[in-house]
């Protein structure tokens, strides 16, 4: 795909790639709404689009031309197509392989034989495509390992090992902590996926939300895929789930570390945080909620944004972070050095490998949001009751349906 783009004049290739990224963002939002069983009314769709447009990960992916947005959109489309048993599942899963760390959550569909067959076929086609173009999967994995090693502990990584290293933990201990957390996250996803196998959309949400804890490579723009479980929680029938989703949206979809890297853009970041909070409120509000619940859902996201901003701004101001390539100075790559070696040296030279606890705190905020939305999705399957019912009337509260998305509803 990259070689085909390279055949085009640069200006044309840029427009084509921007169009692909825009379509990926639209597919990410649309498929998330489908999986959330949303009404997809114009106001709801507009609020969901506003949430995506204001989110730091989506802005970062488009601004930097990252394939993460294409991978995120393809992965969520694959989830929606697998649930609907659509033929689009195969090409979507194949396309998701362009960003392999974001395609891993598709493994939770392995409990369904048909989905497993489709995913296995897509994986086989991915391997055959590599062989047909003269590139083995082994060589590809070696490149990924070298590149991952080069930036495993630097400041642009939103992973447990990188954050642990920022607090001064020895690199070996930081790597071990990452391995332990990754194993725990994978085990938790497997357990919850089995428990939620009758509700595949919620299982997918949990897997996506816990993904940053399970993989050794996760950038700011990779959080774009977490828009999917956040939208699902914001549109859930339970007010508590919606409230948790609103707080998670503010924590995960705002580039808090960007306050340290771009102190001059603090006002812009604050405006985007307010936009994310407002869009989350609009999505979470329901006409049938009690007035007190509506007031809480309207103000919880804004309050969360204010609290996080008041904590993050002083840290970012006191400990500004460099940006690549601005901080490279007069660096020259050594002759004959591999790209992974050069990348590691550039990050060292730019100061992104420094151990600064404040940077670790700022990067831990989105991970806390991911943990919150995973908790909300895991709890979303408990029985729902429309009102508090006296013990003598509990027998009259009769489950009438079992929605694959929202769990039992009552009459």
Protein backbone atom coordinates (compact mmCIF):
# COMPACT_ATOMS: atom_id res chain seq x y z
CA UNK A 1 0.00 0.00 0.00
CA UNK A 2 2.80 2.39 0.88
CA UNK A 3 4.56 1.68 -2.42
CA UNK A 4 1.37 2.51 -4.32
CA UNK A 5 1.09 5.83 -2.49
CA UNK A 6 4.76 6.50 -3.24
CA UNK A 7 4.03 6.29 -6.96
CA UNK A 8 1.82 9.39 -6.68
CA UNK A 9 3.08 12.99 -6.61
CA UNK A 10 3.52 14.08 -3.00
CA UNK A 11 0.63 16.57 -3.04
CA UNK A 12 -1.77 13.98 -4.46
CA UNK A 13 -0.56 11.27 -2.05
CA UNK A 14 -1.12 13.64 0.88
CA UNK A 15 -4.71 14.31 -0.17
CA UNK A 16 -5.38 10.59 -0.72
CA UNK A 17 -3.93 9.68 2.68
CA UNK A 18 -5.87 12.45 4.44
CA UNK A 19 -9.05 11.17 2.80
CA UNK A 20 -8.27 7.63 4.01
CA UNK A 21 -7.69 8.89 7.56
CA UNK A 22 -10.92 10.90 7.47
CA UNK A 23 -12.85 7.86 6.26
CA UNK A 24 -11.20 5.78 9.02
CA UNK A 25 -12.34 8.24 11.69
CA UNK A 26 -15.89 8.16 10.29
CA UNK A 27 -15.83 4.35 10.23
CA UNK A 28 -14.57 4.27 13.82
CA UNK A 29 -17.42 6.47 15.04
CA UNK A 30 -20.09 4.80 12.88
CA UNK A 31 -19.13 1.25 13.84
CA UNK A 32 -18.95 2.23 17.53
CA UNK A 33 -22.50 3.58 17.35
CA UNK A 34 -23.65 0.36 15.66
CA UNK A 35 -22.06 -1.78 18.38
CA UNK A 36 -23.57 0.46 21.08
CA UNK A 37 -27.05 -0.16 19.66
CA UNK A 38 -27.42 3.61 19.39
CA UNK A 39 -30.50 5.25 17.92
CA UNK A 40 -28.18 7.15 15.58
CA UNK A 41 -30.39 10.22 15.65
CA UNK A 42 -28.83 13.36 14.09
CA UNK A 43 -28.06 14.98 17.48
CA UNK A 44 -26.50 11.77 18.77
CA UNK A 45 -24.37 11.30 15.66
CA UNK A 46 -23.33 14.98 15.76
CA UNK A 47 -22.27 14.67 19.41
CA UNK A 48 -20.30 11.47 18.68
CA UNK A 49 -18.54 13.17 15.75
CA UNK A 50 -17.79 16.20 17.93
CA UNK A 51 -16.28 13.92 20.58
CA UNK A 52 -14.02 12.32 17.96
CA UNK A 53 -13.08 15.64 16.36
CA UNK A 54 -12.07 17.17 19.70
CA UNK A 55 -10.17 14.13 20.97
CA UNK A 56 -6.41 14.41 21.20
CA UNK A 57 -5.67 10.92 19.80
CA UNK A 58 -7.71 11.52 16.62
CA UNK A 59 -6.19 14.99 16.14
CA UNK A 60 -2.71 13.56 16.68
CA UNK A 61 -3.29 10.68 14.25
CA UNK A 62 -4.49 13.03 11.50
CA UNK A 63 -1.86 15.71 12.13
CA UNK A 64 0.97 13.15 12.05
CA UNK A 65 -0.56 11.02 9.28
CA UNK A 66 -0.53 7.93 11.49
CA UNK A 67 -1.79 4.54 10.33
CA UNK A 68 -3.10 4.04 13.89
CA UNK A 69 -6.36 5.73 12.89
CA UNK A 70 -6.76 3.38 9.92
CA UNK A 71 -5.99 0.39 12.15
CA UNK A 72 -8.42 1.56 14.84
CA UNK A 73 -11.23 2.13 12.35
CA UNK A 74 -10.63 -1.22 10.64
CA UNK A 75 -10.57 -3.09 13.97
CA UNK A 76 -13.89 -1.64 15.15
CA UNK A 77 -15.46 -2.21 11.71
CA UNK A 78 -14.29 -5.83 11.97
CA UNK A 79 -15.96 -6.15 15.38
CA UNK A 80 -19.23 -4.78 14.00
CA UNK A 81 -19.07 -6.96 10.88
CA UNK A 82 -18.30 -10.12 12.90
CA UNK A 83 -21.27 -9.46 15.16
CA UNK A 84 -23.56 -8.97 12.15
CA UNK A 85 -21.95 -11.87 10.27
CA UNK A 86 -21.14 -9.54 7.41
CA UNK A 87 -18.71 -10.34 4.59
CA UNK A 88 -16.94 -7.05 5.42
CA UNK A 89 -15.34 -8.77 8.42
CA UNK A 90 -12.57 -10.36 6.33
CA UNK A 91 -11.23 -7.23 4.57
CA UNK A 92 -11.63 -5.17 7.75
CA UNK A 93 -9.63 -7.68 9.80
CA UNK A 94 -6.98 -7.84 7.08
CA UNK A 95 -6.70 -4.05 7.00
CA UNK A 96 -6.47 -3.93 10.80
CA UNK A 97 -3.17 -5.81 10.48
CA UNK A 98 -1.53 -2.60 9.25
CA UNK A 99 -1.42 -1.56 12.93
CA UNK A 100 -0.95 -4.94 14.63
CA UNK A 101 -0.95 -3.68 18.24
CA UNK A 102 -4.48 -2.32 17.70
CA UNK A 103 -5.75 -5.47 15.96
CA UNK A 104 -4.98 -7.77 18.92
CA UNK A 105 -8.36 -7.25 20.67
CA UNK A 106 -10.03 -9.13 17.79
CA UNK A 107 -8.76 -12.29 19.51
CA UNK A 108 -11.68 -12.07 21.98
CA UNK A 109 -13.94 -13.28 19.15
CA UNK A 110 -12.15 -16.65 19.19
CA UNK A 111 -14.98 -18.11 21.28
CA UNK A 112 -17.20 -17.92 18.18
CA UNK A 113 -16.17 -20.53 15.61
CA UNK A 114 -17.31 -18.54 12.60
CA UNK A 115 -15.47 -15.42 13.77
CA UNK A 116 -12.37 -17.50 14.51
CA UNK A 117 -12.45 -18.88 10.95
CA UNK A 118 -12.73 -15.38 9.46
CA UNK A 119 -9.88 -14.02 11.61
CA UNK A 120 -7.69 -17.02 10.82
CA UNK A 121 -8.32 -16.49 7.10
CA UNK A 122 -7.41 -12.80 7.41
CA UNK A 123 -4.21 -13.67 9.29
CA UNK A 124 -3.32 -16.22 6.62
CA UNK A 125 -3.93 -13.67 3.88
CA UNK A 126 -1.70 -11.19 5.75
CA UNK A 127 1.15 -13.72 5.81
CA UNK A 128 0.65 -14.61 2.14
CA UNK A 129 0.64 -10.93 1.17
CA UNK A 130 3.98 -10.52 2.92
CA UNK A 131 5.42 -13.55 1.13
CA UNK A 132 4.07 -12.37 -2.23
CA UNK A 133 5.85 -9.03 -1.85
CA UNK A 134 9.10 -10.66 -0.81
CA UNK A 135 8.94 -9.86 2.91
CA UNK A 136 8.73 -12.63 5.48
CA UNK A 137 6.74 -12.31 8.69
CA UNK A 138 9.93 -13.18 10.59
CA UNK A 139 11.72 -10.17 9.12
CA UNK A 140 8.72 -8.00 9.94
CA UNK A 141 8.69 -9.17 13.57
CA UNK A 142 12.43 -8.52 13.89
CA UNK A 143 11.92 -4.95 12.66
CA UNK A 144 9.10 -4.44 15.16
CA UNK A 145 11.26 -5.79 17.99
CA UNK A 146 14.18 -3.53 17.10
CA UNK A 147 11.97 -0.46 16.84
CA UNK A 148 10.10 -1.32 20.04
CA UNK A 149 13.37 -1.74 21.93
CA UNK A 150 14.59 1.63 20.64
CA UNK A 151 11.73 3.53 22.26
CA UNK A 152 10.47 1.23 24.98
CA UNK A 153 11.18 3.66 27.83
CA UNK A 154 10.92 7.06 26.16
CA UNK A 155 8.43 9.78 26.99
CA UNK A 156 6.13 9.31 23.99
CA UNK A 157 5.26 5.77 25.09
CA UNK A 158 2.06 5.48 27.15
CA UNK A 159 2.89 2.07 28.60
CA UNK A 160 3.51 0.71 32.09
CA UNK A 161 7.28 0.13 31.55
CA UNK A 162 7.80 3.64 30.14
CA UNK A 163 5.85 5.25 32.98
CA UNK A 164 7.66 3.13 35.58
CA UNK A 165 11.00 4.21 34.10
CA UNK A 166 9.87 7.85 34.32
CA UNK A 167 9.62 7.42 38.11
CA UNK A 168 13.26 6.32 38.23
CA UNK A 169 12.72 2.57 38.39
CA UNK A 170 15.72 0.65 36.93
CA UNK A 171 15.01 -0.33 33.35
CA UNK A 172 15.12 -4.06 34.11
CA UNK A 173 12.62 -3.61 36.93
CA UNK A 174 10.45 -1.35 34.75
CA UNK A 175 10.43 -4.01 32.02
CA UNK A 176 9.51 -6.69 34.57
CA UNK A 177 6.65 -4.57 35.90
CA UNK A 178 5.36 -4.18 32.36
CA UNK A 179 5.53 -7.92 31.78
CA UNK A 180 3.60 -8.64 34.99
CA UNK A 181 0.91 -6.07 34.23
CA UNK A 182 0.66 -7.32 30.65
CA UNK A 183 0.18 -10.92 31.80
CA UNK A 184 -2.46 -9.82 34.31
CA UNK A 185 -4.29 -7.73 31.68
CA UNK A 186 -4.30 -10.57 29.14
CA UNK A 187 -5.57 -13.03 31.76
CA UNK A 188 -8.30 -10.59 32.83
CA UNK A 189 -9.37 -10.04 29.21
CA UNK A 190 -9.52 -13.80 28.62
CA UNK A 191 -11.66 -14.34 31.74
CA UNK A 192 -14.03 -11.47 30.95
CA UNK A 193 -14.24 -12.42 27.27
CA UNK A 194 -15.35 -15.91 28.27
CA UNK A 195 -17.84 -14.49 30.76
CA UNK A 196 -19.18 -12.01 28.17
CA UNK A 197 -19.13 -14.39 25.20
CA UNK A 198 -22.91 -13.93 24.85
CA UNK A 199 -22.33 -10.16 24.70
CA UNK A 200 -19.46 -9.83 22.21
CA UNK A 201 -19.65 -6.04 21.98
CA UNK A 202 -18.96 -5.64 25.69
CA UNK A 203 -16.18 -8.24 25.51
CA UNK A 204 -14.61 -6.23 22.68
CA UNK A 205 -14.91 -3.04 24.75
CA UNK A 206 -13.07 -4.60 27.68
CA UNK A 207 -10.31 -5.93 25.41
CA UNK A 208 -9.82 -2.55 23.73
CA UNK A 209 -9.88 -0.63 27.04
CA UNK A 210 -7.23 -2.90 28.60
CA UNK A 211 -5.07 -2.96 25.46
CA UNK A 212 -2.61 -0.24 26.65
CA UNK A 213 -1.80 -2.41 29.67
CA UNK A 214 -1.20 -5.53 27.58
CA UNK A 215 1.09 -4.33 24.78
CA UNK A 216 4.63 -2.89 24.97
CA UNK A 217 4.00 -0.19 22.35
CA UNK A 218 1.30 2.48 22.68
CA UNK A 219 1.45 6.09 21.50
CA UNK A 220 -0.92 9.00 22.05
CA UNK A 221 -2.63 8.45 18.68
CA UNK A 222 -3.20 4.76 19.49
CA UNK A 223 -5.77 5.87 22.09
CA UNK A 224 -8.08 6.67 19.17
CA UNK A 225 -9.37 3.09 19.36
CA UNK A 226 -10.53 3.66 22.95
CA UNK A 227 -13.16 5.99 21.50
CA UNK A 228 -15.12 2.79 20.79
CA UNK A 229 -15.62 1.57 24.40
CA UNK A 230 -16.08 5.16 25.58
CA UNK A 231 -18.97 5.70 23.15
CA UNK A 232 -20.50 2.38 24.22
CA UNK A 233 -20.44 3.38 27.90
CA UNK A 234 -21.74 6.88 27.16
CA UNK A 235 -24.77 5.36 25.40
CA UNK A 236 -25.47 2.63 27.94
CA UNK A 237 -28.88 2.48 29.62
CA UNK A 238 -27.38 2.72 33.13
CA UNK A 239 -26.72 6.25 34.37
CA UNK A 240 -23.77 5.09 36.48
CA UNK A 241 -22.11 3.48 33.47
CA UNK A 242 -22.62 6.68 31.47
CA UNK A 243 -21.08 8.76 34.26
CA UNK A 244 -18.00 6.51 34.38
CA UNK A 245 -17.73 6.72 30.59
CA UNK A 246 -17.90 10.52 30.72
CA UNK A 247 -15.04 10.72 33.22
CA UNK A 248 -13.04 8.20 31.18
CA UNK A 249 -13.59 10.28 28.04
CA UNK A 250 -12.03 13.35 29.67
CA UNK A 251 -9.09 11.35 31.06
CA UNK A 252 -8.32 9.39 27.88
CA UNK A 253 -9.29 11.63 24.96
CA UNK A 254 -7.39 14.75 26.07
CA UNK A 255 -3.64 14.98 25.40
CA UNK A 256 -2.58 15.84 28.96
CA UNK A 257 1.10 15.11 28.28
CA UNK A 258 0.84 17.65 25.45
CA UNK A 259 0.58 20.36 28.12
CA UNK A 260 4.24 19.66 28.94
CA UNK A 261 5.35 19.34 25.31
CA UNK A 262 3.45 22.39 24.05
CA UNK A 263 3.07 24.84 26.97
CA UNK A 264 2.14 27.62 24.55
CA UNK A 265 -0.95 25.65 23.49
CA UNK A 266 -2.40 25.26 27.00
CA UNK A 267 -5.43 27.37 26.12
CA UNK A 268 -6.10 25.23 23.06
CA UNK A 269 -5.80 22.04 25.13
CA UNK A 270 -8.20 23.48 27.71
CA UNK A 271 -10.70 24.35 24.97
CA UNK A 272 -10.49 20.84 23.52
CA UNK A 273 -10.93 19.35 27.01
CA UNK A 274 -14.10 21.42 27.43
CA UNK A 275 -15.31 20.25 24.00
CA UNK A 276 -14.70 16.60 24.93
CA UNK A 277 -16.53 17.09 28.25
CA UNK A 278 -19.46 18.84 26.56
CA UNK A 279 -19.80 16.15 23.87
CA UNK A 280 -19.62 13.42 26.53
CA UNK A 281 -22.38 15.17 28.50
CA UNK A 282 -24.62 15.42 25.46
CA UNK A 283 -24.17 11.73 24.71
CA UNK A 284 -24.73 10.67 28.32
CA UNK A 285 -27.91 12.66 28.96
CA UNK A 286 -31.26 10.87 28.59
CA UNK A 287 -34.71 12.44 28.56
CA UNK A 288 -36.06 9.71 30.84
CA UNK A 289 -33.49 10.26 33.60
CA UNK A 290 -34.41 11.85 36.90
CA UNK A 291 -33.62 15.56 37.10
CA UNK A 292 -30.87 15.01 39.68
CA UNK A 293 -29.28 12.39 37.42
CA UNK A 294 -29.41 14.76 34.45
CA UNK A 295 -27.72 17.51 36.44
CA UNK A 296 -25.01 15.12 37.55
CA UNK A 297 -24.35 13.83 34.03
CA UNK A 298 -24.24 17.38 32.71
CA UNK A 299 -21.58 18.51 35.19
CA UNK A 300 -19.54 15.38 35.95
CA UNK A 301 -17.40 15.54 32.75
CA UNK A 302 -16.71 19.27 33.15
CA UNK A 303 -15.83 18.79 36.81
CA UNK A 304 -13.50 15.91 35.91
CA UNK A 305 -11.81 18.06 33.26
CA UNK A 306 -11.35 20.90 35.74
CA UNK A 307 -9.89 18.65 38.44
CA UNK A 308 -7.44 16.95 36.05
CA UNK A 309 -6.43 20.28 34.50
CA UNK A 310 -5.77 21.87 37.90
CA UNK A 311 -3.47 18.95 38.74
CA UNK A 312 -1.81 18.65 35.32
CA UNK A 313 -1.12 22.30 34.51
CA UNK A 314 1.32 22.97 37.39
CA UNK A 315 3.22 19.74 36.62
CA UNK A 316 3.43 20.56 32.92
CA UNK A 317 4.55 24.13 33.64
CA UNK A 318 7.23 23.05 36.13
CA UNK A 319 8.56 20.19 34.00
CA UNK A 320 8.28 21.04 30.27
CA UNK A 321 9.01 18.16 27.91
CA UNK A 322 10.96 18.36 24.63
CA UNK A 323 9.55 17.43 21.25
CA UNK A 324 11.12 15.50 18.41
CA UNK A 325 12.67 16.63 16.07
CA UNK A 326 12.82 20.19 17.45
CA UNK A 327 15.25 19.27 20.24
CA UNK A 328 17.71 17.30 18.08
CA UNK A 329 20.08 20.21 17.58
CA UNK A 330 23.12 19.32 15.47
CA UNK A 331 22.65 15.55 15.62
CA UNK A 332 24.05 13.58 12.70
CA UNK A 333 23.27 9.91 12.17
CA UNK A 334 26.38 7.66 12.21
CA UNK A 335 27.21 6.14 8.82
CA UNK A 336 25.85 2.65 8.35
CA UNK A 337 23.64 2.73 11.45
CA UNK A 338 20.28 0.98 11.25
CA UNK A 339 17.04 2.93 11.50
CA UNK A 340 16.27 1.55 14.99
CA UNK A 341 19.71 2.64 16.25
CA UNK A 342 19.27 6.10 14.77
CA UNK A 343 15.79 6.42 16.30
CA UNK A 344 17.10 5.45 19.74
CA UNK A 345 19.95 7.98 19.48
CA UNK A 346 17.61 10.73 18.32
CA UNK A 347 15.31 10.22 21.29
CA UNK A 348 18.27 10.24 23.66
CA UNK A 349 19.61 13.42 22.07
CA UNK A 350 16.18 15.09 22.19
CA UNK A 351 15.88 14.36 25.92
CA UNK A 352 12.87 12.09 25.62
CA UNK A 353 14.59 9.27 27.50
CA UNK A 354 14.94 11.31 30.71
CA UNK A 355 13.36 9.98 33.91
CA UNK A 356 10.92 12.72 34.95
CA UNK A 357 8.16 11.64 37.36
CA UNK A 358 5.89 14.52 36.30
CA UNK A 359 5.88 13.19 32.72
CA UNK A 360 4.97 9.76 34.06
CA UNK A 361 2.00 11.20 35.97
CA UNK A 362 0.70 13.04 32.90
CA UNK A 363 0.96 9.89 30.78
CA UNK A 364 -0.73 7.80 33.47
CA UNK A 365 -3.94 9.85 33.24
CA UNK A 366 -5.13 8.22 29.96
CA UNK A 367 -4.28 4.78 31.35
CA UNK A 368 -6.45 5.53 34.39
CA UNK A 369 -9.26 6.46 31.99
CA UNK A 370 -8.82 3.15 30.15
CA UNK A 371 -8.99 1.22 33.42
CA UNK A 372 -12.15 3.14 34.35
CA UNK A 373 -13.93 2.38 31.07
CA UNK A 374 -12.89 -1.29 31.30
CA UNK A 375 -14.40 -1.44 34.79
CA UNK A 376 -17.59 0.25 33.54
CA UNK A 377 -17.94 -2.25 30.68
CA UNK A 378 -17.25 -5.24 32.93
CA UNK A 379 -19.94 -4.01 35.36
CA UNK A 380 -22.45 -3.18 32.63
CA UNK A 381 -23.94 -6.68 32.55
CA UNK A 382 -25.45 -6.71 36.06
CA UNK A 383 -29.27 -6.72 36.18
CA UNK A 384 -30.88 -3.34 35.60
CA UNK A 385 -33.96 -2.15 37.48
CA UNK A 386 -35.83 0.92 36.36
CA UNK A 387 -36.55 2.11 39.92
CA UNK A 388 -35.91 1.19 43.52
CA UNK A 389 -38.52 -1.44 44.30
CA UNK A 390 -39.88 -2.33 47.73
CA UNK A 391 -39.11 -5.93 48.83
CA UNK A 392 -42.79 -6.88 48.60
CA UNK A 393 -42.86 -5.84 44.94
CA UNK A 394 -39.58 -7.36 43.75
CA UNK A 395 -41.44 -10.39 42.35
CA UNK A 396 -43.40 -8.11 40.02
CA UNK A 397 -40.22 -6.79 38.39
CA UNK A 398 -39.94 -9.21 35.51
CA UNK A 399 -37.07 -9.34 32.99
CA UNK A 400 -38.56 -9.05 29.51
CA UNK A 401 -35.50 -9.07 27.28
CA UNK A 402 -31.81 -9.76 27.30
CA UNK A 403 -30.15 -7.30 24.93
CA UNK A 404 -26.73 -8.46 23.70
CA UNK A 405 -25.44 -4.97 24.39
CA UNK A 406 -27.13 -3.71 27.52
CA UNK A 407 -28.02 -6.84 29.49
CA UNK A 408 -31.43 -7.62 31.00
CA UNK A 409 -34.07 -4.91 30.83
CA UNK A 410 -37.21 -4.82 32.97
CA UNK A 411 -40.90 -4.06 32.72
